């Protein structure tokens, strides 16, 4: 690995994943600022020396500081990493756009779609940030459960940017002996794969909650992958991307791990709990809920059949029971396995 030049970096978002990435970058020698929502939150995080709410037990390195000041955090920062919930990404982009360094690289590590528009996160950033940064916006995605990355367990991720040289700069900034980073120029595919796999993870959790076993889960994950690949291809993505880290890799981790928030939501729904009650009891955001609604919008716009997504939407928002959803999927008309995928 070539010598790494320390960067001035900011991570916007004190989520578990945002805090994990901030600590990761600081341990690699970068000067990192973690941007908090309020002065009160910044003061508490600084005083505690860790994020006790979202990532307890992982102290901040000496090169990591916390602030709520937009100017202080973003003014001369070379690498901007945005890790806020999808529903607040546009608002946060509007807050920081005038403070951004003109040569900054912007990375979104949020895996979701904007519910009201169906837009990917890089599309939202391209609308809201200065036009000069449009070619320097990247997406980071992969099988990256924050608790495991924070513990230093071996993991891999992928950074996507249309400009391959920009992607390589981000790759070099994040690469470590514990986190292997790959590049990809298929931004559409990487983002859609990372967002849509949360929808499939909700359904996988429902299957776990109903006790349907490993055959069922393997089939569900596989058919879910085919479904989100169809939508990706219709949106202009490379189908191979869905077989990579952002697609199959992340889907396996999210659908199987007890650490997965989206799987947890599905499992609790299958046990008869109401969606509002489940979400109210969670500390972090389950992106798959809003993404399911956004995916339904995209599927209608692009004319893509998505039976698993439709069934999941009906369970989340229309009162369909998990058992009825499974029955409807199993009783669909026969079809070819790779229908709609070139």
C-alpha atoms as a PDB file:
ATOM      1  CA  UNK A   1       0.000   0.000   0.000  1.00  0.00           C
ATOM      2  CA  UNK A   2       1.410   3.402  -0.957  1.00  0.00           C
ATOM      3  CA  UNK A   3       2.112   6.028   1.666  1.00  0.00           C
ATOM      4  CA  UNK A   4      -1.061   7.685   2.840  1.00  0.00           C
ATOM      5  CA  UNK A   5      -1.214  11.471   3.028  1.00  0.00           C
ATOM      6  CA  UNK A   6      -3.350  12.587   5.997  1.00  0.00           C
ATOM      7  CA  UNK A   7      -6.532  14.373   4.956  1.00  0.00           C
ATOM      8  CA  UNK A   8      -8.788  16.852   6.669  1.00  0.00           C
ATOM      9  CA  UNK A   9     -12.040  14.919   6.841  1.00  0.00           C
ATOM     10  CA  UNK A  10     -15.498  15.502   8.252  1.00  0.00           C
ATOM     11  CA  UNK A  11     -18.158  12.905   8.965  1.00  0.00           C
ATOM     12  CA  UNK A  12     -21.654  14.390   9.018  1.00  0.00           C
ATOM     13  CA  UNK A  13     -23.879  12.272  11.207  1.00  0.00           C
ATOM     14  CA  UNK A  14     -23.433  10.804  14.681  1.00  0.00           C
ATOM     15  CA  UNK A  15     -25.193   7.552  13.780  1.00  0.00           C
ATOM     16  CA  UNK A  16     -23.522   4.262  14.690  1.00  0.00           C
ATOM     17  CA  UNK A  17     -22.148   3.954  11.128  1.00  0.00           C
ATOM     18  CA  UNK A  18     -21.123   7.597  10.984  1.00  0.00           C
ATOM     19  CA  UNK A  19     -19.286   7.322  14.301  1.00  0.00           C
ATOM     20  CA  UNK A  20     -17.641   4.084  13.181  1.00  0.00           C
ATOM     21  CA  UNK A  21     -16.352   5.694   9.986  1.00  0.00           C
ATOM     22  CA  UNK A  22     -15.106   8.755  11.883  1.00  0.00           C
ATOM     23  CA  UNK A  23     -13.143   6.560  14.292  1.00  0.00           C
ATOM     24  CA  UNK A  24     -11.851   4.435  11.406  1.00  0.00           C
ATOM     25  CA  UNK A  25     -10.540   7.470   9.490  1.00  0.00           C
ATOM     26  CA  UNK A  26      -8.987   8.985  12.616  1.00  0.00           C
ATOM     27  CA  UNK A  27      -7.150   5.756  13.396  1.00  0.00           C
ATOM     28  CA  UNK A  28      -5.671   5.892   9.894  1.00  0.00           C
ATOM     29  CA  UNK A  29      -4.059   9.240  10.681  1.00  0.00           C
ATOM     30  CA  UNK A  30      -6.566  11.640   9.135  1.00  0.00           C
ATOM     31  CA  UNK A  31      -7.633  14.774  10.995  1.00  0.00           C
ATOM     32  CA  UNK A  32     -11.336  14.040  11.487  1.00  0.00           C
ATOM     33  CA  UNK A  33     -14.240  16.188  12.612  1.00  0.00           C
ATOM     34  CA  UNK A  34     -17.526  14.553  13.593  1.00  0.00           C
ATOM     35  CA  UNK A  35     -20.348  16.993  12.859  1.00  0.00           C
ATOM     36  CA  UNK A  36     -23.128  16.872  15.431  1.00  0.00           C
ATOM     37  CA  UNK A  37     -26.669  18.205  15.102  1.00  0.00           C
ATOM     38  CA  UNK A  38     -26.516  20.566  18.073  1.00  0.00           C
ATOM     39  CA  UNK A  39     -23.991  22.209  20.340  1.00  0.00           C
ATOM     40  CA  UNK A  40     -25.397  20.231  23.234  1.00  0.00           C
ATOM     41  CA  UNK A  41     -24.775  16.942  21.424  1.00  0.00           C
ATOM     42  CA  UNK A  42     -21.259  18.006  20.443  1.00  0.00           C
ATOM     43  CA  UNK A  43     -20.467  18.964  24.046  1.00  0.00           C
ATOM     44  CA  UNK A  44     -21.787  15.642  25.372  1.00  0.00           C
ATOM     45  CA  UNK A  45     -19.842  13.561  22.862  1.00  0.00           C
ATOM     46  CA  UNK A  46     -16.659  15.501  23.574  1.00  0.00           C
ATOM     47  CA  UNK A  47     -17.079  15.163  27.335  1.00  0.00           C
ATOM     48  CA  UNK A  48     -17.809  11.437  27.102  1.00  0.00           C
ATOM     49  CA  UNK A  49     -14.994  10.773  24.637  1.00  0.00           C
ATOM     50  CA  UNK A  50     -17.252   8.272  22.851  1.00  0.00           C
ATOM     51  CA  UNK A  51     -20.737   7.963  21.392  1.00  0.00           C
ATOM     52  CA  UNK A  52     -22.529   6.298  24.316  1.00  0.00           C
ATOM     53  CA  UNK A  53     -25.901   6.355  22.595  1.00  0.00           C
ATOM     54  CA  UNK A  54     -25.034   4.759  19.252  1.00  0.00           C
ATOM     55  CA  UNK A  55     -21.573   3.182  19.670  1.00  0.00           C
ATOM     56  CA  UNK A  56     -20.705   2.718  23.331  1.00  0.00           C
ATOM     57  CA  UNK A  57     -17.337   1.282  24.290  1.00  0.00           C
ATOM     58  CA  UNK A  58     -15.347   2.727  21.384  1.00  0.00           C
ATOM     59  CA  UNK A  59     -13.352   5.778  22.531  1.00  0.00           C
ATOM     60  CA  UNK A  60     -12.545   8.596  20.141  1.00  0.00           C
ATOM     61  CA  UNK A  61      -8.913   8.754  18.932  1.00  0.00           C
ATOM     62  CA  UNK A  62      -6.956  11.928  19.740  1.00  0.00           C
ATOM     63  CA  UNK A  63      -7.243  13.096  16.103  1.00  0.00           C
ATOM     64  CA  UNK A  64     -11.076  13.097  16.218  1.00  0.00           C
ATOM     65  CA  UNK A  65     -12.946  16.160  17.417  1.00  0.00           C
ATOM     66  CA  UNK A  66     -16.647  16.940  17.553  1.00  0.00           C
ATOM     67  CA  UNK A  67     -18.379  20.186  16.636  1.00  0.00           C
ATOM     68  CA  UNK A  68     -21.803  21.483  15.665  1.00  0.00           C
ATOM     69  CA  UNK A  69     -20.350  24.444  13.769  1.00  0.00           C
ATOM     70  CA  UNK A  70     -20.872  24.130  10.022  1.00  0.00           C
ATOM     71  CA  UNK A  71     -18.048  26.526   9.164  1.00  0.00           C
ATOM     72  CA  UNK A  72     -15.602  24.866  11.536  1.00  0.00           C
ATOM     73  CA  UNK A  73     -16.416  21.381  10.288  1.00  0.00           C
ATOM     74  CA  UNK A  74     -16.596  21.924   6.518  1.00  0.00           C
ATOM     75  CA  UNK A  75     -14.646  25.080   5.706  1.00  0.00           C
ATOM     76  CA  UNK A  76     -11.320  23.589   4.557  1.00  0.00           C
ATOM     77  CA  UNK A  77     -12.192  19.899   4.565  1.00  0.00           C
ATOM     78  CA  UNK A  78     -10.900  17.717   1.733  1.00  0.00           C
ATOM     79  CA  UNK A  79     -13.083  14.661   2.391  1.00  0.00           C
ATOM     80  CA  UNK A  80     -16.755  14.970   3.363  1.00  0.00           C
ATOM     81  CA  UNK A  81     -18.546  11.792   4.431  1.00  0.00           C
ATOM     82  CA  UNK A  82     -22.309  12.105   4.870  1.00  0.00           C
ATOM     83  CA  UNK A  83     -23.957   9.452   7.052  1.00  0.00           C
ATOM     84  CA  UNK A  84     -27.371  10.815   7.985  1.00  0.00           C
ATOM     85  CA  UNK A  85     -30.776   9.130   7.520  1.00  0.00           C
ATOM     86  CA  UNK A  86     -32.094   9.341   3.962  1.00  0.00           C
ATOM     87  CA  UNK A  87     -35.120  11.378   5.037  1.00  0.00           C
ATOM     88  CA  UNK A  88     -32.859  14.182   6.338  1.00  0.00           C
ATOM     89  CA  UNK A  89     -30.067  14.070   3.756  1.00  0.00           C
ATOM     90  CA  UNK A  90     -31.482  16.840   1.553  1.00  0.00           C
ATOM     91  CA  UNK A  91     -31.958  19.160   4.530  1.00  0.00           C
ATOM     92  CA  UNK A  92     -28.412  18.505   5.750  1.00  0.00           C
ATOM     93  CA  UNK A  93     -26.976  19.088   2.262  1.00  0.00           C
ATOM     94  CA  UNK A  94     -28.719  22.456   2.165  1.00  0.00           C
ATOM     95  CA  UNK A  95     -27.189  23.365   5.536  1.00  0.00           C
ATOM     96  CA  UNK A  96     -23.593  22.657   4.512  1.00  0.00           C
ATOM     97  CA  UNK A  97     -23.428  23.502   0.796  1.00  0.00           C
ATOM     98  CA  UNK A  98     -22.179  27.061   1.211  1.00  0.00           C
ATOM     99  CA  UNK A  99     -19.424  25.973   3.591  1.00  0.00           C
ATOM    100  CA  UNK A 100     -17.914  23.222   1.434  1.00  0.00           C
ATOM    101  CA  UNK A 101     -14.322  23.419   0.226  1.00  0.00           C
ATOM    102  CA  UNK A 102     -14.275  23.868  -3.560  1.00  0.00           C
ATOM    103  CA  UNK A 103     -12.065  20.800  -4.152  1.00  0.00           C
ATOM    104  CA  UNK A 104     -13.742  18.515  -1.628  1.00  0.00           C
ATOM    105  CA  UNK A 105     -14.677  14.928  -2.350  1.00  0.00           C
ATOM    106  CA  UNK A 106     -18.143  14.096  -1.040  1.00  0.00           C
ATOM    107  CA  UNK A 107     -19.031  10.528  -0.044  1.00  0.00           C
ATOM    108  CA  UNK A 108     -22.501   9.382   0.955  1.00  0.00           C
ATOM    109  CA  UNK A 109     -22.573   6.280   3.140  1.00  0.00           C
ATOM    110  CA  UNK A 110     -26.350   6.399   3.577  1.00  0.00           C
ATOM    111  CA  UNK A 111     -28.098   3.333   2.157  1.00  0.00           C
ATOM    112  CA  UNK A 112     -31.539   4.540   1.249  1.00  0.00           C
ATOM    113  CA  UNK A 113     -33.790   6.298  -1.238  1.00  0.00           C
ATOM    114  CA  UNK A 114     -35.597   9.578  -0.718  1.00  0.00           C
ATOM    115  CA  UNK A 115     -39.146   8.513   0.054  1.00  0.00           C
ATOM    116  CA  UNK A 116     -40.929  11.419  -1.637  1.00  0.00           C
ATOM    117  CA  UNK A 117     -38.942  11.361  -4.892  1.00  0.00           C
ATOM    118  CA  UNK A 118     -37.397   7.886  -5.141  1.00  0.00           C
ATOM    119  CA  UNK A 119     -34.024   9.570  -5.715  1.00  0.00           C
ATOM    120  CA  UNK A 120     -30.726   7.973  -4.823  1.00  0.00           C
ATOM    121  CA  UNK A 121     -28.569   9.817  -2.298  1.00  0.00           C
ATOM    122  CA  UNK A 122     -26.001  10.994  -4.860  1.00  0.00           C
ATOM    123  CA  UNK A 123     -28.842  12.416  -6.965  1.00  0.00           C
ATOM    124  CA  UNK A 124     -30.074  14.406  -3.986  1.00  0.00           C
ATOM    125  CA  UNK A 125     -26.550  15.695  -3.346  1.00  0.00           C
ATOM    126  CA  UNK A 126     -26.091  16.643  -6.991  1.00  0.00           C
ATOM    127  CA  UNK A 127     -29.264  18.727  -6.770  1.00  0.00           C
ATOM    128  CA  UNK A 128     -28.317  20.473  -3.541  1.00  0.00           C
ATOM    129  CA  UNK A 129     -24.521  20.891  -3.604  1.00  0.00           C
ATOM    130  CA  UNK A 130     -22.504  23.276  -5.833  1.00  0.00           C
ATOM    131  CA  UNK A 131     -22.308  22.171  -9.466  1.00  0.00           C
ATOM    132  CA  UNK A 132     -18.506  22.181  -9.266  1.00  0.00           C
ATOM    133  CA  UNK A 133     -18.671  19.150  -6.963  1.00  0.00           C
ATOM    134  CA  UNK A 134     -20.991  17.053  -9.160  1.00  0.00           C
ATOM    135  CA  UNK A 135     -18.166  14.872 -10.510  1.00  0.00           C
ATOM    136  CA  UNK A 136     -16.678  14.397  -7.052  1.00  0.00           C
ATOM    137  CA  UNK A 137     -19.681  12.777  -5.348  1.00  0.00           C
ATOM    138  CA  UNK A 138     -19.292   9.104  -4.429  1.00  0.00           C
ATOM    139  CA  UNK A 139     -21.288   6.344  -2.768  1.00  0.00           C
ATOM    140  CA  UNK A 140     -19.851   3.950  -0.188  1.00  0.00           C
ATOM    141  CA  UNK A 141     -21.692   0.664   0.303  1.00  0.00           C
ATOM    142  CA  UNK A 142     -21.192  -2.984   1.174  1.00  0.00           C
ATOM    143  CA  UNK A 143     -21.661  -5.619   3.897  1.00  0.00           C
ATOM    144  CA  UNK A 144     -20.616  -3.279   6.692  1.00  0.00           C
ATOM    145  CA  UNK A 145     -22.414  -3.870   9.981  1.00  0.00           C
ATOM    146  CA  UNK A 146     -21.087  -1.009  12.083  1.00  0.00           C
ATOM    147  CA  UNK A 147     -20.524  -3.046  15.254  1.00  0.00           C
ATOM    148  CA  UNK A 148     -18.236  -5.473  13.438  1.00  0.00           C
ATOM    149  CA  UNK A 149     -16.273  -2.768  11.613  1.00  0.00           C
ATOM    150  CA  UNK A 150     -15.864  -0.848  14.877  1.00  0.00           C
ATOM    151  CA  UNK A 151     -14.397  -3.973  16.486  1.00  0.00           C
ATOM    152  CA  UNK A 152     -11.843  -4.239  13.698  1.00  0.00           C
ATOM    153  CA  UNK A 153     -13.182  -7.498  12.263  1.00  0.00           C
ATOM    154  CA  UNK A 154     -12.134  -8.066   8.625  1.00  0.00           C
ATOM    155  CA  UNK A 155     -14.584  -6.471   6.176  1.00  0.00           C
ATOM    156  CA  UNK A 156     -14.828  -5.157   2.626  1.00  0.00           C
ATOM    157  CA  UNK A 157     -16.719  -2.320   1.025  1.00  0.00           C
ATOM    158  CA  UNK A 158     -17.011  -0.608  -2.346  1.00  0.00           C
ATOM    159  CA  UNK A 159     -16.811   3.061  -3.327  1.00  0.00           C
ATOM    160  CA  UNK A 160     -18.556   4.113  -6.518  1.00  0.00           C
ATOM    161  CA  UNK A 161     -17.932   7.218  -8.595  1.00  0.00           C
ATOM    162  CA  UNK A 162     -18.236   7.945 -12.301  1.00  0.00           C
ATOM    163  CA  UNK A 163     -14.716   9.391 -12.110  1.00  0.00           C
ATOM    164  CA  UNK A 164     -12.536   6.372 -11.365  1.00  0.00           C
ATOM    165  CA  UNK A 165      -9.637   8.518 -10.137  1.00  0.00           C
ATOM    166  CA  UNK A 166     -11.863  10.128  -7.515  1.00  0.00           C
ATOM    167  CA  UNK A 167     -13.015   6.659  -6.431  1.00  0.00           C
ATOM    168  CA  UNK A 168      -9.385   5.606  -6.067  1.00  0.00           C
ATOM    169  CA  UNK A 169      -8.678   8.615  -3.833  1.00  0.00           C
ATOM    170  CA  UNK A 170     -11.508   7.570  -1.529  1.00  0.00           C
ATOM    171  CA  UNK A 171     -10.334   3.967  -1.680  1.00  0.00           C
ATOM    172  CA  UNK A 172      -6.875   5.026  -0.535  1.00  0.00           C
ATOM    173  CA  UNK A 173      -8.275   7.206   2.245  1.00  0.00           C
ATOM    174  CA  UNK A 174     -10.368   4.375   3.746  1.00  0.00           C
ATOM    175  CA  UNK A 175      -8.243   1.291   3.032  1.00  0.00           C
ATOM    176  CA  UNK A 176      -6.806  -0.480   6.059  1.00  0.00           C
ATOM    177  CA  UNK A 177      -5.668  -3.987   7.053  1.00  0.00           C
ATOM    178  CA  UNK A 178      -9.167  -4.474   8.533  1.00  0.00           C
ATOM    179  CA  UNK A 179     -11.234  -2.799   5.795  1.00  0.00           C
ATOM    180  CA  UNK A 180     -10.566  -3.688   2.174  1.00  0.00           C
ATOM    181  CA  UNK A 181     -12.033  -1.145  -0.257  1.00  0.00           C
ATOM    182  CA  UNK A 182     -12.886  -1.798  -3.908  1.00  0.00           C
ATOM    183  CA  UNK A 183     -13.844   0.731  -6.595  1.00  0.00           C
ATOM    184  CA  UNK A 184     -16.727   0.711  -9.052  1.00  0.00           C
ATOM    185  CA  UNK A 185     -17.918   3.224 -11.639  1.00  0.00           C
ATOM    186  CA  UNK A 186     -21.529   1.971 -11.534  1.00  0.00           C
ATOM    187  CA  UNK A 187     -22.954   4.526  -9.100  1.00  0.00           C
ATOM    188  CA  UNK A 188     -26.559   3.669  -9.989  1.00  0.00           C
ATOM    189  CA  UNK A 189     -26.046  -0.018  -9.286  1.00  0.00           C
ATOM    190  CA  UNK A 190     -24.083   0.389  -6.066  1.00  0.00           C
ATOM    191  CA  UNK A 191     -26.630   2.796  -4.610  1.00  0.00           C
ATOM    192  CA  UNK A 192     -29.725   0.866  -5.665  1.00  0.00           C
ATOM    193  CA  UNK A 193     -28.240  -2.411  -4.462  1.00  0.00           C
ATOM    194  CA  UNK A 194     -27.342  -0.937  -1.074  1.00  0.00           C
ATOM    195  CA  UNK A 195     -30.759   0.634  -0.616  1.00  0.00           C
ATOM    196  CA  UNK A 196     -33.023  -2.074  -2.017  1.00  0.00           C
ATOM    197  CA  UNK A 197     -31.410  -4.942  -0.141  1.00  0.00           C
ATOM    198  CA  UNK A 198     -32.957  -3.418   3.001  1.00  0.00           C
ATOM    199  CA  UNK A 199     -36.399  -4.132   1.540  1.00  0.00           C
ATOM    200  CA  UNK A 200     -35.464  -7.775   1.036  1.00  0.00           C
ATOM    201  CA  UNK A 201     -33.984  -7.935   4.545  1.00  0.00           C
ATOM    202  CA  UNK A 202     -37.352  -6.880   5.968  1.00  0.00           C
ATOM    203  CA  UNK A 203     -38.960  -9.849   4.243  1.00  0.00           C
ATOM    204  CA  UNK A 204     -36.167 -12.193   5.336  1.00  0.00           C
ATOM    205  CA  UNK A 205     -36.812 -11.097   8.908  1.00  0.00           C
ATOM    206  CA  UNK A 206     -40.504 -11.872   8.478  1.00  0.00           C
ATOM    207  CA  UNK A 207     -39.586 -15.382   7.365  1.00  0.00           C
ATOM    208  CA  UNK A 208     -37.346 -15.803  10.420  1.00  0.00           C
ATOM    209  CA  UNK A 209     -40.107 -14.564  12.689  1.00  0.00           C
ATOM    210  CA  UNK A 210     -42.514 -17.080  11.198  1.00  0.00           C
ATOM    211  CA  UNK A 211     -39.983 -19.898  11.590  1.00  0.00           C
ATOM    212  CA  UNK A 212     -39.946 -20.828   7.915  1.00  0.00           C
ATOM    213  CA  UNK A 213     -36.447 -22.325   7.916  1.00  0.00           C
ATOM    214  CA  UNK A 214     -33.334 -22.205   5.771  1.00  0.00           C
ATOM    215  CA  UNK A 215     -34.764 -23.423   2.461  1.00  0.00           C
ATOM    216  CA  UNK A 216     -37.317 -20.653   2.548  1.00  0.00           C
ATOM    217  CA  UNK A 217     -34.794 -18.008   3.517  1.00  0.00           C
ATOM    218  CA  UNK A 218     -32.286 -19.022   0.845  1.00  0.00           C
ATOM    219  CA  UNK A 219     -34.993 -18.938  -1.819  1.00  0.00           C
ATOM    220  CA  UNK A 220     -36.314 -15.612  -0.580  1.00  0.00           C
ATOM    221  CA  UNK A 221     -32.882 -13.963  -0.615  1.00  0.00           C
ATOM    222  CA  UNK A 222     -32.142 -15.319  -4.089  1.00  0.00           C
ATOM    223  CA  UNK A 223     -35.459 -14.215  -5.554  1.00  0.00           C
ATOM    224  CA  UNK A 224     -35.135 -10.893  -3.788  1.00  0.00           C
ATOM    225  CA  UNK A 225     -31.760 -10.376  -5.414  1.00  0.00           C
ATOM    226  CA  UNK A 226     -33.269 -11.133  -8.839  1.00  0.00           C
ATOM    227  CA  UNK A 227     -36.041  -8.624  -8.179  1.00  0.00           C
ATOM    228  CA  UNK A 228     -33.804  -5.725  -7.168  1.00  0.00           C
ATOM    229  CA  UNK A 229     -31.473  -6.542 -10.062  1.00  0.00           C
ATOM    230  CA  UNK A 230     -34.402  -6.165 -12.497  1.00  0.00           C
ATOM    231  CA  UNK A 231     -35.117  -2.715 -11.126  1.00  0.00           C
ATOM    232  CA  UNK A 232     -31.443  -1.785 -11.252  1.00  0.00           C
ATOM    233  CA  UNK A 233     -31.110  -2.849 -14.889  1.00  0.00           C
ATOM    234  CA  UNK A 234     -34.202  -0.815 -15.809  1.00  0.00           C
ATOM    235  CA  UNK A 235     -32.610   2.203 -14.085  1.00  0.00           C
ATOM    236  CA  UNK A 236     -29.391   1.807 -16.082  1.00  0.00           C
ATOM    237  CA  UNK A 237     -27.254  -0.228 -13.671  1.00  0.00           C
ATOM    238  CA  UNK A 238     -24.831  -3.016 -14.523  1.00  0.00           C
ATOM    239  CA  UNK A 239     -26.438  -6.318 -13.414  1.00  0.00           C
ATOM    240  CA  UNK A 240     -23.039  -7.600 -12.247  1.00  0.00           C
ATOM    241  CA  UNK A 241     -22.998  -4.935  -9.546  1.00  0.00           C
ATOM    242  CA  UNK A 242     -25.845  -6.764  -7.808  1.00  0.00           C
ATOM    243  CA  UNK A 243     -23.664  -9.874  -7.581  1.00  0.00           C
ATOM    244  CA  UNK A 244     -20.957  -7.848  -5.834  1.00  0.00           C
ATOM    245  CA  UNK A 245     -20.340  -6.402  -2.390  1.00  0.00           C
ATOM    246  CA  UNK A 246     -23.070  -3.754  -2.563  1.00  0.00           C
ATOM    247  CA  UNK A 247     -25.635  -6.311  -3.723  1.00  0.00           C
ATOM    248  CA  UNK A 248     -25.262  -9.962  -2.771  1.00  0.00           C
ATOM    249  CA  UNK A 249     -22.639  -9.241  -0.128  1.00  0.00           C
ATOM    250  CA  UNK A 250     -24.683  -6.647   1.724  1.00  0.00           C
ATOM    251  CA  UNK A 251     -27.895  -8.621   1.265  1.00  0.00           C
ATOM    252  CA  UNK A 252     -26.418 -11.700   2.952  1.00  0.00           C
ATOM    253  CA  UNK A 253     -25.160  -9.670   5.918  1.00  0.00           C
ATOM    254  CA  UNK A 254     -28.356  -7.675   6.336  1.00  0.00           C
ATOM    255  CA  UNK A 255     -30.766 -10.574   5.870  1.00  0.00           C
ATOM    256  CA  UNK A 256     -28.883 -12.976   8.145  1.00  0.00           C
ATOM    257  CA  UNK A 257     -27.327 -11.003  10.985  1.00  0.00           C
ATOM    258  CA  UNK A 258     -29.062 -10.407  14.339  1.00  0.00           C
ATOM    259  CA  UNK A 259     -27.334  -7.002  14.226  1.00  0.00           C
ATOM    260  CA  UNK A 260     -29.445  -5.984  11.212  1.00  0.00           C
ATOM    261  CA  UNK A 261     -32.084  -3.364  12.003  1.00  0.00           C
ATOM    262  CA  UNK A 262     -34.189  -4.167   8.939  1.00  0.00           C
ATOM    263  CA  UNK A 263     -34.213  -7.892   9.637  1.00  0.00           C
ATOM    264  CA  UNK A 264     -35.238  -7.066  13.221  1.00  0.00           C
ATOM    265  CA  UNK A 265     -38.221  -5.033  12.012  1.00  0.00           C
ATOM    266  CA  UNK A 266     -39.416  -7.877   9.791  1.00  0.00           C
ATOM    267  CA  UNK A 267     -38.992 -10.439  12.546  1.00  0.00           C
ATOM    268  CA  UNK A 268     -41.005  -8.325  14.986  1.00  0.00           C
ATOM    269  CA  UNK A 269     -43.770  -7.769  12.430  1.00  0.00           C
ATOM    270  CA  UNK A 270     -44.072 -11.536  12.045  1.00  0.00           C
ATOM    271  CA  UNK A 271     -44.513 -11.802  15.806  1.00  0.00           C
ATOM    272  CA  UNK A 272     -47.549  -9.539  15.621  1.00  0.00           C
ATOM    273  CA  UNK A 273     -46.100  -6.206  16.743  1.00  0.00           C
ATOM    274  CA  UNK A 274     -47.204  -2.989  15.036  1.00  0.00           C
ATOM    275  CA  UNK A 275     -44.745  -1.094  12.846  1.00  0.00           C
ATOM    276  CA  UNK A 276     -45.018   2.151  14.832  1.00  0.00           C
ATOM    277  CA  UNK A 277     -44.321   0.349  18.081  1.00  0.00           C
ATOM    278  CA  UNK A 278     -41.279  -1.409  16.624  1.00  0.00           C
ATOM    279  CA  UNK A 279     -39.753   1.763  15.185  1.00  0.00           C
ATOM    280  CA  UNK A 280     -40.408   3.739  18.374  1.00  0.00           C
ATOM    281  CA  UNK A 281     -38.365   1.226  20.343  1.00  0.00           C
ATOM    282  CA  UNK A 282     -35.306   1.441  18.050  1.00  0.00           C
ATOM    283  CA  UNK A 283     -32.306   3.726  18.542  1.00  0.00           C
ATOM    284  CA  UNK A 284     -31.150   3.651  14.912  1.00  0.00           C
ATOM    285  CA  UNK A 285     -33.157   4.049  11.704  1.00  0.00           C
ATOM    286  CA  UNK A 286     -34.372   1.041   9.706  1.00  0.00           C
ATOM    287  CA  UNK A 287     -33.941   2.499   6.211  1.00  0.00           C
ATOM    288  CA  UNK A 288     -35.855  -0.323   4.559  1.00  0.00           C
ATOM    289  CA  UNK A 289     -39.237   1.019   5.678  1.00  0.00           C
ATOM    290  CA  UNK A 290     -39.074   4.295   3.740  1.00  0.00           C
ATOM    291  CA  UNK A 291     -37.102   2.633   0.952  1.00  0.00           C
ATOM    292  CA  UNK A 292     -39.937   0.153   0.390  1.00  0.00           C
ATOM    293  CA  UNK A 293     -42.270   3.042  -0.396  1.00  0.00           C
ATOM    294  CA  UNK A 294     -39.662   4.676  -2.644  1.00  0.00           C
ATOM    295  CA  UNK A 295     -39.018   1.384  -4.431  1.00  0.00           C
ATOM    296  CA  UNK A 296     -42.718   0.990  -5.177  1.00  0.00           C
ATOM    297  CA  UNK A 297     -42.661   4.423  -6.780  1.00  0.00           C
ATOM    298  CA  UNK A 298     -39.608   3.514  -8.865  1.00  0.00           C
ATOM    299  CA  UNK A 299     -41.081   0.193  -9.956  1.00  0.00           C
ATOM    300  CA  UNK A 300     -44.203   1.950 -11.237  1.00  0.00           C
ATOM    301  CA  UNK A 301     -42.176   4.641 -13.007  1.00  0.00           C
ATOM    302  CA  UNK A 302     -39.908   2.092 -14.694  1.00  0.00           C
ATOM    303  CA  UNK A 303     -42.574  -0.547 -15.352  1.00  0.00           C
ATOM    304  CA  UNK A 304     -40.776  -3.269 -13.371  1.00  0.00           C
ATOM    305  CA  UNK A 305     -42.670  -6.027 -11.586  1.00  0.00           C
ATOM    306  CA  UNK A 306     -41.495  -6.347  -7.960  1.00  0.00           C
ATOM    307  CA  UNK A 307     -43.748  -8.853  -6.165  1.00  0.00           C
ATOM    308  CA  UNK A 308     -41.612  -9.145  -3.016  1.00  0.00           C
ATOM    309  CA  UNK A 309     -41.401  -5.385  -2.632  1.00  0.00           C
ATOM    310  CA  UNK A 310     -45.141  -5.068  -3.232  1.00  0.00           C
ATOM    311  CA  UNK A 311     -45.907  -7.721  -0.623  1.00  0.00           C
ATOM    312  CA  UNK A 312     -43.576  -6.053   1.869  1.00  0.00           C
ATOM    313  CA  UNK A 313     -45.214  -2.677   1.194  1.00  0.00           C
ATOM    314  CA  UNK A 314     -48.639  -4.206   1.824  1.00  0.00           C
ATOM    315  CA  UNK A 315     -47.497  -5.615   5.166  1.00  0.00           C
ATOM    316  CA  UNK A 316     -45.906  -2.324   6.220  1.00  0.00           C
ATOM    317  CA  UNK A 317     -48.588   0.102   5.091  1.00  0.00           C
ATOM    318  CA  UNK A 318     -51.788  -1.678   4.033  1.00  0.00           C
ATOM    319  CA  UNK A 319     -52.546  -4.127   6.824  1.00  0.00           C
ATOM    320  CA  UNK A 320     -51.699  -7.358   4.989  1.00  0.00           C
ATOM    321  CA  UNK A 321     -50.591 -10.024   7.444  1.00  0.00           C
ATOM    322  CA  UNK A 322     -47.157 -11.633   6.981  1.00  0.00           C
ATOM    323  CA  UNK A 323     -48.829 -15.015   6.465  1.00  0.00           C
ATOM    324  CA  UNK A 324     -51.075 -13.604   3.727  1.00  0.00           C
ATOM    325  CA  UNK A 325     -48.056 -11.979   2.047  1.00  0.00           C
ATOM    326  CA  UNK A 326     -46.148 -15.264   1.945  1.00  0.00           C
ATOM    327  CA  UNK A 327     -49.168 -17.120   0.564  1.00  0.00           C
ATOM    328  CA  UNK A 328     -49.614 -14.531  -2.187  1.00  0.00           C
ATOM    329  CA  UNK A 329     -45.966 -14.864  -3.229  1.00  0.00           C
ATOM    330  CA  UNK A 330     -46.040 -18.657  -3.271  1.00  0.00           C
ATOM    331  CA  UNK A 331     -49.218 -18.754  -5.366  1.00  0.00           C
ATOM    332  CA  UNK A 332     -47.945 -16.509  -8.177  1.00  0.00           C
ATOM    333  CA  UNK A 333     -48.011 -17.846 -11.729  1.00  0.00           C
ATOM    334  CA  UNK A 334     -44.921 -19.839 -12.850  1.00  0.00           C
ATOM    335  CA  UNK A 335     -42.189 -17.981 -14.735  1.00  0.00           C
ATOM    336  CA  UNK A 336     -38.574 -18.318 -15.947  1.00  0.00           C
ATOM    337  CA  UNK A 337     -35.910 -17.808 -13.287  1.00  0.00           C
ATOM    338  CA  UNK A 338     -34.066 -14.968 -15.034  1.00  0.00           C
ATOM    339  CA  UNK A 339     -37.038 -13.165 -16.508  1.00  0.00           C
ATOM    340  CA  UNK A 340     -36.267  -9.472 -16.972  1.00  0.00           C
ATOM    341  CA  UNK A 341     -32.509  -9.837 -16.417  1.00  0.00           C
ATOM    342  CA  UNK A 342     -30.287  -9.814 -19.529  1.00  0.00           C
END
